Amino acid sequence: RRLTGIHAVRIDGKKKMAKIILALALAAQALVPTRTALKSTNVRANARSEMTMAADGGVVLIGVAADSGCGKSTFMRRLTGIFGGTNVGPLGGGFDNGGWETNTLVSDTTTVICLDDYHLNDRGGRKVTGRTALDLAENNFDLMYEQLKELKAGNAIKKPIYNHVNGTLDTPEEITPTQIVIVEGLHPMADPRVRELLDFSLYLDITDDVKFAWKIQRDMVERGHSLESIQQSIEARKPDFDAFVAPQRGDADVVIQVLPTDLIPDEKEGKVLKVKFIQKEGKANFDPAYLFDEGSTIEWTPCGKKLTCSYPGIKFAYGPDEFLGNDVTVLEMDGKFDNLQELIYVESHLSNTATKFYGELTQQMIKMGDSPGSDNGTGFFQTLASLKIREFYEKLSGVEVEVEAPAKVAA
């Protein structure tokens, strides 16, 4: 089934004008902080504090896997922003604010733990063993499992710190769990015991061609490295990555896969991308997002009067598929947005997005419009994933994340 931007959907004049007005309102509203709060949906949870709730098994544990330089930090900002909360920042204030060198990000609702902190050896020790940090043998999965199990039970832990500045293992820091604990790094799903603890898992999958293009842009164009040294660096890392990190894709509930565009022949710079949002079927408390008609196979070119598209345009696709032995539902976007306010036209044709009000996905994209990927499918699907994870958390925990919607706009 093939649809075009002109003929895909007919909207009457009043409805179209209302959407245009609302889109403009959302653009303005996005500049104002959105207040969010956690609200229990049952009497029992209302009567207990956050820490008591955690002790009763209320901690939801989310795992995010990706290689270094693949967008984990940007995704963490999108995800923690969806959950709201206050006092967002490094645990203890961070080194520059009188604290210590930490990888842990905290707010009153979320805790983000970097799994590099569970490296078995420091940088000097890995030179002795001759192994990379990607190697499973260089990570302390026994301690990772025991401590994440404690956090999930609502108990505080003394977690080690891997200092990325000087490559040392620093004095452990105390972590007290919040309602949502996110663990991100190379191996959140590699150990079966840790994988079993995770309530939800996501993998950011940057394919080799895109990684190479991005690394050339950063290391050759911006840092003056030679093409040969970049190739050697990638090739030296690839065997361990393929052996120890990439297999986790098959265990993830959602995979965001970034590939070279199909819209420009032989495009090698990685500036235009095709991105797939791969959703595993059968996950409890998770209904895959879809385009137009659930279960159909669709290609859609929305460019036209309602969506501004410069060369090479934008193309969406949707349908069932199989990924690494799993039945999946796939949303796909190829190309770049010219105007984020117009994204509401695309959002209006998606279902099961887990938004709490019309245009929330667009609003979140506008809020982070200066972040990497905000003009293409990486930011679009990271935002969609954040909304879906929030919905998953609410269904699993029985705790509602309250969001203040923009003021209604009269038609």
Protein backbone atom coordinates (compact mmCIF):
# COMPACT_ATOMS: atom_id res chain seq x y z
CA ARG A 1 0.00 0.00 0.00
CA ARG A 2 1.67 3.23 -1.17
CA LEU A 3 0.51 6.65 0.06
CA THR A 4 1.55 10.18 -0.92
CA GLY A 5 1.47 13.36 1.13
CA ILE A 6 -1.30 14.79 -1.06
CA HIS A 7 -3.61 11.81 -1.22
CA ALA A 8 -2.91 9.84 1.99
CA VAL A 9 -5.36 11.60 4.29
CA ARG A 10 -8.24 14.05 3.71
CA ILE A 11 -8.89 16.52 6.46
CA ASP A 12 -11.79 18.95 6.46
CA GLY A 13 -11.08 22.68 6.61
CA LYS A 14 -11.89 23.24 10.28
CA LYS A 15 -9.84 20.31 11.49
CA LYS A 16 -6.88 21.28 9.34
CA MET A 17 -6.95 24.88 10.59
CA ALA A 18 -7.17 23.66 14.21
CA LYS A 19 -4.10 21.49 13.72
CA ILE A 20 -2.14 24.36 12.16
CA ILE A 21 -3.02 26.63 15.09
CA LEU A 22 -2.15 23.92 17.61
CA ALA A 23 1.19 23.28 15.90
CA LEU A 24 2.11 26.94 16.29
CA ALA A 25 1.04 26.85 19.95
CA LEU A 26 3.18 23.78 20.56
CA ALA A 27 6.22 25.51 19.09
CA ALA A 28 5.81 28.35 21.58
CA GLN A 29 4.92 26.04 24.47
CA ALA A 30 8.05 23.96 23.88
CA LEU A 31 10.14 26.88 25.08
CA VAL A 32 8.41 26.73 28.48
CA PRO A 33 9.47 23.98 30.92
CA THR A 34 6.87 21.24 31.15
CA ARG A 35 6.05 20.26 34.71
CA THR A 36 5.91 16.57 35.39
CA ALA A 37 5.29 14.59 38.52
CA LEU A 38 4.78 11.02 39.58
CA LYS A 39 1.31 10.20 40.81
CA SER A 40 0.26 6.83 42.15
CA THR A 41 -2.79 5.30 40.55
CA ASN A 42 -3.73 3.32 43.64
CA VAL A 43 -4.44 4.16 47.27
CA ARG A 44 -1.73 1.92 48.66
CA ALA A 45 1.04 3.61 46.71
CA ASN A 46 -0.32 7.05 47.64
CA ALA A 47 0.24 6.26 51.29
CA ARG A 48 3.92 5.45 51.04
CA SER A 49 7.06 7.42 50.36
CA GLU A 50 9.24 6.93 47.31
CA MET A 51 11.79 4.91 49.24
CA THR A 52 9.12 2.71 50.83
CA MET A 53 7.68 2.12 47.38
CA ALA A 54 11.14 1.11 46.16
CA ALA A 55 11.55 -1.30 49.06
CA ASP A 56 8.26 -2.95 48.11
CA GLY A 57 9.65 -3.72 44.66
CA GLY A 58 8.67 -0.48 42.94
CA VAL A 59 12.03 0.17 41.27
CA VAL A 60 11.81 -0.26 37.50
CA LEU A 61 15.15 -1.17 35.90
CA ILE A 62 15.81 -0.13 32.29
CA GLY A 63 18.87 -1.18 30.26
CA VAL A 64 20.31 0.76 27.30
CA ALA A 65 23.12 -0.80 25.27
CA ALA A 66 25.34 0.90 22.69
CA ASP A 67 28.94 1.39 21.64
CA SER A 68 30.77 4.55 22.68
CA GLY A 69 29.99 7.58 20.54
CA CYS A 70 26.61 6.21 19.44
CA GLY A 71 24.25 8.66 21.09
CA LYS A 72 23.70 7.21 24.58
CA SER A 73 24.21 10.57 26.28
CA THR A 74 21.70 12.32 24.03
CA PHE A 75 19.18 9.52 24.52
CA MET A 76 19.65 9.73 28.31
CA ARG A 77 18.75 13.43 28.19
CA ARG A 78 15.63 12.69 26.14
CA LEU A 79 14.57 9.80 28.39
CA THR A 80 15.15 11.51 31.74
CA GLY A 81 13.42 14.62 30.39
CA ILE A 82 10.29 12.59 29.61
CA PHE A 83 10.15 11.42 33.24
CA GLY A 84 10.59 14.98 34.50
CA GLY A 85 11.84 15.50 38.00
CA THR A 86 14.03 18.20 39.50
CA ASN A 87 17.67 18.58 40.55
CA VAL A 88 18.92 16.76 37.47
CA GLY A 89 22.70 16.50 37.42
CA PRO A 90 25.76 14.47 38.44
CA LEU A 91 25.59 12.61 41.74
CA GLY A 92 27.12 14.79 44.45
CA GLY A 93 27.24 17.77 42.09
CA GLY A 94 30.15 16.45 40.04
CA PHE A 95 33.86 17.26 40.22
CA ASP A 96 33.44 20.85 39.00
CA ASN A 97 30.91 21.62 41.74
CA GLY A 98 32.77 20.38 44.79
CA GLY A 99 31.85 16.69 44.36
CA TRP A 100 33.80 13.86 42.79
CA GLU A 101 34.41 12.50 39.31
CA THR A 102 31.21 10.54 38.72
CA ASN A 103 29.40 8.92 35.81
CA THR A 104 26.07 8.77 37.66
CA LEU A 105 23.26 11.16 36.71
CA VAL A 106 20.42 11.65 39.19
CA SER A 107 17.14 13.51 39.65
CA ASP A 108 14.35 13.01 42.16
CA THR A 109 12.74 10.45 39.83
CA THR A 110 15.58 8.80 37.88
CA THR A 111 19.07 7.42 38.41
CA VAL A 112 21.32 6.76 35.40
CA ILE A 113 24.24 4.41 36.05
CA CYS A 114 27.12 3.98 33.59
CA LEU A 115 28.16 0.33 33.44
CA ASP A 116 31.76 1.32 32.69
CA ASP A 117 31.94 1.59 36.48
CA TYR A 118 32.01 -2.22 36.56
CA HIS A 119 35.21 -2.55 34.55
CA LEU A 120 37.32 -5.20 36.25
CA ASN A 121 40.65 -3.45 35.66
CA ASP A 122 41.72 0.13 35.22
CA ARG A 123 43.33 1.36 32.01
CA GLY A 124 46.78 0.24 33.14
CA GLY A 125 45.47 -3.18 34.09
CA ARG A 126 43.97 -3.71 30.63
CA LYS A 127 47.36 -2.99 29.10
CA VAL A 128 48.71 -5.85 31.18
CA THR A 129 45.92 -8.28 30.24
CA GLY A 130 45.94 -7.18 26.60
CA ARG A 131 42.12 -7.06 26.54
CA THR A 132 39.77 -4.23 25.64
CA ALA A 133 36.91 -2.98 27.81
CA LEU A 134 34.51 -4.60 25.31
CA ASP A 135 35.74 -8.05 26.34
CA LEU A 136 33.35 -9.67 28.84
CA ALA A 137 36.37 -10.85 30.85
CA GLU A 138 37.22 -7.21 31.60
CA ASN A 139 33.90 -6.57 33.38
CA ASN A 140 32.81 -7.57 36.87
CA PHE A 141 29.39 -9.08 36.14
CA ASP A 142 29.18 -10.76 39.54
CA LEU A 143 29.30 -7.39 41.30
CA MET A 144 27.06 -5.78 38.65
CA TYR A 145 24.41 -8.42 39.20
CA GLU A 146 24.54 -8.29 43.01
CA GLN A 147 24.35 -4.50 43.13
CA LEU A 148 21.60 -4.09 40.53
CA LYS A 149 19.61 -6.75 42.38
CA GLU A 150 19.96 -4.67 45.55
CA LEU A 151 18.90 -1.49 43.78
CA LYS A 152 15.88 -3.22 42.31
CA ALA A 153 14.92 -4.30 45.82
CA GLY A 154 15.12 -0.66 46.94
CA ASN A 155 18.42 -0.91 48.80
CA ALA A 156 21.36 1.48 48.63
CA ILE A 157 24.71 0.27 47.25
CA LYS A 158 28.35 1.35 47.23
CA LYS A 159 29.13 1.33 43.53
CA PRO A 160 32.66 1.56 42.08
CA ILE A 161 33.61 4.46 39.81
CA TYR A 162 35.60 4.18 36.60
CA ASN A 163 37.32 7.51 36.06
CA HIS A 164 37.27 8.21 32.31
CA VAL A 165 39.63 11.15 32.71
CA ASN A 166 42.62 9.23 34.02
CA GLY A 167 41.50 5.61 33.56
CA THR A 168 41.54 4.68 37.24
CA LEU A 169 39.06 2.92 39.52
CA ASP A 170 38.11 5.52 42.15
CA THR A 171 36.58 5.37 45.62
CA PRO A 172 33.06 3.85 45.45
CA GLU A 173 30.02 6.14 45.71
CA GLU A 174 26.71 5.47 47.45
CA ILE A 175 23.64 5.09 45.23
CA THR A 176 20.14 5.26 46.71
CA PRO A 177 17.59 4.05 44.17
CA THR A 178 14.84 6.20 42.72
CA GLN A 179 11.64 4.85 41.14
CA ILE A 180 13.38 4.52 37.77
CA VAL A 181 16.96 3.24 37.48
CA ILE A 182 18.54 3.26 34.02
CA VAL A 183 21.76 1.35 33.36
CA GLU A 184 23.61 2.27 30.17
CA GLY A 185 26.78 1.01 28.60
CA LEU A 186 28.35 -1.72 26.54
CA HIS A 187 26.92 -4.79 28.30
CA PRO A 188 23.56 -4.35 30.07
CA MET A 189 22.16 -7.51 28.45
CA ALA A 190 25.35 -9.56 28.09
CA ASP A 191 25.10 -11.43 31.41
CA PRO A 192 21.93 -13.57 31.67
CA ARG A 193 21.53 -12.80 35.39
CA VAL A 194 21.62 -9.04 34.78
CA ARG A 195 19.40 -9.39 31.72
CA GLU A 196 16.78 -11.14 33.83
CA LEU A 197 16.70 -8.19 36.23
CA LEU A 198 15.88 -5.69 33.48
CA ASP A 199 12.26 -4.72 33.08
CA PHE A 200 12.85 -3.11 29.69
CA SER A 201 15.83 -3.04 27.34
CA LEU A 202 16.86 -0.97 24.33
CA TYR A 203 19.81 -1.18 21.94
CA LEU A 204 21.17 1.76 19.91
CA ASP A 205 22.51 0.06 16.79
CA ILE A 206 24.76 2.28 14.66
CA THR A 207 25.79 0.26 11.60
CA ASP A 208 29.43 0.07 10.51
CA ASP A 209 29.09 2.41 7.51
CA VAL A 210 27.53 5.15 9.63
CA LYS A 211 30.06 4.68 12.45
CA PHE A 212 32.86 5.05 9.92
CA ALA A 213 31.32 8.21 8.42
CA TRP A 214 30.82 9.77 11.85
CA LYS A 215 34.35 8.91 13.00
CA ILE A 216 35.86 10.41 9.85
CA GLN A 217 33.88 13.60 10.44
CA ARG A 218 35.01 13.83 14.05
CA ASP A 219 38.58 12.52 13.94
CA MET A 220 39.79 13.47 10.47
CA VAL A 221 37.87 16.65 9.70
CA GLU A 222 37.74 18.08 13.23
CA ARG A 223 40.86 16.57 14.89
CA GLY A 224 43.22 16.14 11.96
CA HIS A 225 43.70 12.36 12.20
CA SER A 226 44.66 10.44 9.08
CA LEU A 227 42.21 8.16 7.27
CA GLU A 228 44.57 5.23 7.82
CA SER A 229 44.68 5.73 11.60
CA ILE A 230 40.89 5.95 11.74
CA GLN A 231 40.50 2.73 9.78
CA GLN A 232 43.02 0.97 12.03
CA SER A 233 41.18 2.14 15.14
CA ILE A 234 37.84 0.86 13.86
CA GLU A 235 39.24 -2.46 12.65
CA ALA A 236 41.06 -3.07 15.96
CA ARG A 237 37.83 -2.57 17.91
CA LYS A 238 35.47 -4.42 15.58
CA PRO A 239 36.22 -8.09 16.50
CA ASP A 240 35.49 -7.54 20.21
CA PHE A 241 32.45 -5.41 19.45
CA ASP A 242 31.00 -8.07 17.15
CA ALA A 243 31.76 -10.82 19.67
CA PHE A 244 30.66 -9.21 22.94
CA VAL A 245 28.36 -6.22 22.30
CA ALA A 246 26.44 -6.69 19.05
CA PRO A 247 24.78 -10.02 20.07
CA GLN A 248 22.67 -8.11 22.63
CA ARG A 249 20.54 -6.75 19.79
CA GLY A 250 18.60 -10.00 19.75
CA ASP A 251 17.70 -9.64 23.45
CA ALA A 252 16.53 -6.02 23.31
CA ASP A 253 12.85 -5.11 23.47
CA VAL A 254 13.48 -2.18 21.12
CA VAL A 255 16.35 -1.58 18.69
CA ILE A 256 16.97 1.81 17.09
CA GLN A 257 19.03 0.97 14.02
CA VAL A 258 20.85 3.71 12.09
CA LEU A 259 21.82 3.00 8.47
CA PRO A 260 23.00 4.97 5.42
CA THR A 261 20.22 6.64 3.45
CA ASP A 262 18.61 4.97 0.45
CA LEU A 263 17.55 8.37 -0.92
CA ILE A 264 21.01 9.47 -2.13
CA PRO A 265 23.11 6.97 -4.11
CA ASP A 266 26.58 6.40 -2.59
CA GLU A 267 26.08 8.90 0.24
CA LYS A 268 29.16 8.39 2.45
CA GLU A 269 29.15 11.31 4.90
CA GLY A 270 26.41 10.05 7.24
CA LYS A 271 24.58 13.37 7.10
CA VAL A 272 21.35 11.83 5.76
CA LEU A 273 20.25 8.65 7.51
CA LYS A 274 17.72 5.85 7.38
CA VAL A 275 16.60 4.89 10.89
CA LYS A 276 14.54 1.87 11.93
CA PHE A 277 12.50 1.57 15.13
CA ILE A 278 12.40 -2.20 15.67
CA GLN A 279 9.85 -3.30 18.28
CA LYS A 280 9.76 -6.86 19.58
CA GLU A 281 6.33 -8.48 19.50
CA GLY A 282 4.86 -10.06 22.64
CA LYS A 283 6.47 -7.78 25.24
CA ALA A 284 4.14 -7.41 28.21
CA ASN A 285 2.91 -3.85 28.86
CA PHE A 286 4.21 -2.71 25.46
CA ASP A 287 2.06 -2.13 22.36
CA PRO A 288 4.16 -1.37 19.25
CA ALA A 289 3.67 2.01 17.62
CA TYR A 290 2.36 1.91 14.05
CA LEU A 291 1.71 4.07 11.01
CA PHE A 292 -1.82 4.47 9.59
CA ASP A 293 -3.11 0.89 9.74
CA GLU A 294 -1.91 -1.64 12.32
CA GLY A 295 -0.49 -4.79 10.75
CA SER A 296 -0.29 -3.39 7.23
CA THR A 297 2.83 -2.89 5.13
CA ILE A 298 3.09 0.77 4.16
CA GLU A 299 5.41 3.17 2.37
CA TRP A 300 4.63 6.86 2.75
CA THR A 301 6.20 9.97 1.23
CA PRO A 302 4.66 12.83 3.24
CA CYS A 303 6.38 15.69 1.45
CA GLY A 304 3.95 18.18 -0.02
CA LYS A 305 1.77 21.00 1.24
CA LYS A 306 1.83 19.86 4.88
CA LEU A 307 5.51 18.92 5.31
CA THR A 308 8.38 20.95 3.88
CA CYS A 309 11.05 18.69 2.40
CA SER A 310 14.28 19.80 0.73
CA TYR A 311 16.40 17.34 -1.25
CA PRO A 312 16.42 14.35 -0.88
CA GLY A 313 13.01 14.41 0.86
CA ILE A 314 11.61 12.10 3.52
CA LYS A 315 10.22 8.60 3.27
CA PHE A 316 8.49 6.54 5.98
CA ALA A 317 7.76 2.82 6.04
CA TYR A 318 5.99 0.45 8.41
CA GLY A 319 5.27 -3.24 8.61
CA PRO A 320 5.89 -6.61 10.28
CA ASP A 321 9.31 -8.24 9.94
CA GLU A 322 11.76 -10.65 11.57
CA PHE A 323 14.92 -9.47 13.31
CA LEU A 324 17.54 -11.87 14.67
CA GLY A 325 14.96 -14.61 15.10
CA ASN A 326 12.33 -12.36 16.71
CA ASP A 327 8.97 -11.30 15.31
CA VAL A 328 9.04 -7.51 15.22
CA THR A 329 7.10 -4.45 14.09
CA VAL A 330 9.26 -1.89 12.28
CA LEU A 331 8.79 1.84 11.76
CA GLU A 332 11.31 3.43 9.39
CA MET A 333 12.27 6.98 8.48
CA ASP A 334 14.74 8.00 5.76
CA GLY A 335 15.69 11.66 5.32
CA LYS A 336 15.70 14.91 7.32
CA PHE A 337 13.13 17.35 8.69
CA ASP A 338 13.32 20.97 7.53
CA ASN A 339 10.87 22.36 10.09
CA LEU A 340 10.27 20.63 13.42
CA GLN A 341 6.95 22.39 13.96
CA GLU A 342 5.62 20.53 10.92
CA LEU A 343 6.47 17.21 12.55
CA ILE A 344 3.00 17.29 14.09
CA TYR A 345 1.67 16.27 10.65
CA VAL A 346 3.69 13.03 10.86
CA GLU A 347 2.80 12.52 14.52
CA SER A 348 -0.91 12.76 13.71
CA HIS A 349 -0.62 9.67 11.48
CA LEU A 350 1.12 7.53 14.09
CA SER A 351 -0.75 5.44 16.68
CA ASN A 352 0.32 3.89 19.99
CA THR A 353 2.89 6.66 20.50
CA ALA A 354 2.19 6.83 24.27
CA THR A 355 1.74 10.59 24.17
CA LYS A 356 -0.43 12.17 26.87
CA PHE A 357 -1.73 15.00 24.70
CA TYR A 358 -1.95 15.79 21.01
CA GLY A 359 1.46 16.98 19.80
CA GLU A 360 3.57 15.86 22.78
CA LEU A 361 6.08 14.03 20.58
CA THR A 362 6.51 17.16 18.46
CA GLN A 363 6.86 19.31 21.57
CA GLN A 364 9.62 17.08 22.95
CA MET A 365 11.47 17.20 19.62
CA ILE A 366 11.30 21.00 19.57
CA LYS A 367 12.56 21.19 23.17
CA MET A 368 15.73 19.35 22.16
CA GLY A 369 15.97 20.87 18.70
CA ASP A 370 19.66 21.72 19.16
CA SER A 371 20.65 18.17 20.16
CA PRO A 372 22.28 15.72 17.72
CA GLY A 373 19.78 13.86 15.55
CA SER A 374 16.88 16.25 16.13
CA ASP A 375 16.38 16.75 12.39
CA ASN A 376 16.27 13.05 11.50
CA GLY A 377 15.06 9.63 12.56
CA THR A 378 17.60 9.19 15.37
CA GLY A 379 16.08 11.97 17.48
CA PHE A 380 12.56 11.16 16.31
CA PHE A 381 12.73 7.51 17.35
CA GLN A 382 14.71 8.21 20.53
CA THR A 383 11.87 10.50 21.56
CA LEU A 384 9.25 7.92 20.62
CA ALA A 385 11.18 5.28 22.60
CA SER A 386 11.25 7.59 25.63
CA LEU A 387 7.48 8.05 25.50
CA LYS A 388 6.94 4.30 25.14
CA ILE A 389 9.24 3.56 28.09
CA ARG A 390 7.33 6.07 30.21
CA GLU A 391 4.09 4.29 29.31
CA PHE A 392 5.68 0.92 30.09
CA TYR A 393 6.79 2.22 33.50
CA GLU A 394 3.28 3.42 34.30
CA LYS A 395 1.69 0.10 33.37
CA LEU A 396 4.25 -1.93 35.30
CA SER A 397 4.44 0.19 38.44
CA GLY A 398 0.92 1.58 38.69
CA VAL A 399 2.44 5.04 39.10
CA GLU A 400 1.34 7.77 36.72
CA VAL A 401 3.80 10.34 35.37
CA GLU A 402 1.77 13.52 35.33
CA VAL A 403 2.40 15.94 32.48
CA GLU A 404 1.00 19.43 32.17
CA ALA A 405 -0.35 19.77 28.64
CA PRO A 406 -0.24 23.07 26.75
CA ALA A 407 -3.29 25.29 27.02
CA LYS A 408 -6.02 24.26 24.61
CA VAL A 409 -6.28 26.31 21.47
CA ALA A 410 -9.74 27.21 20.20
CA ALA A 411 -10.48 26.15 16.65
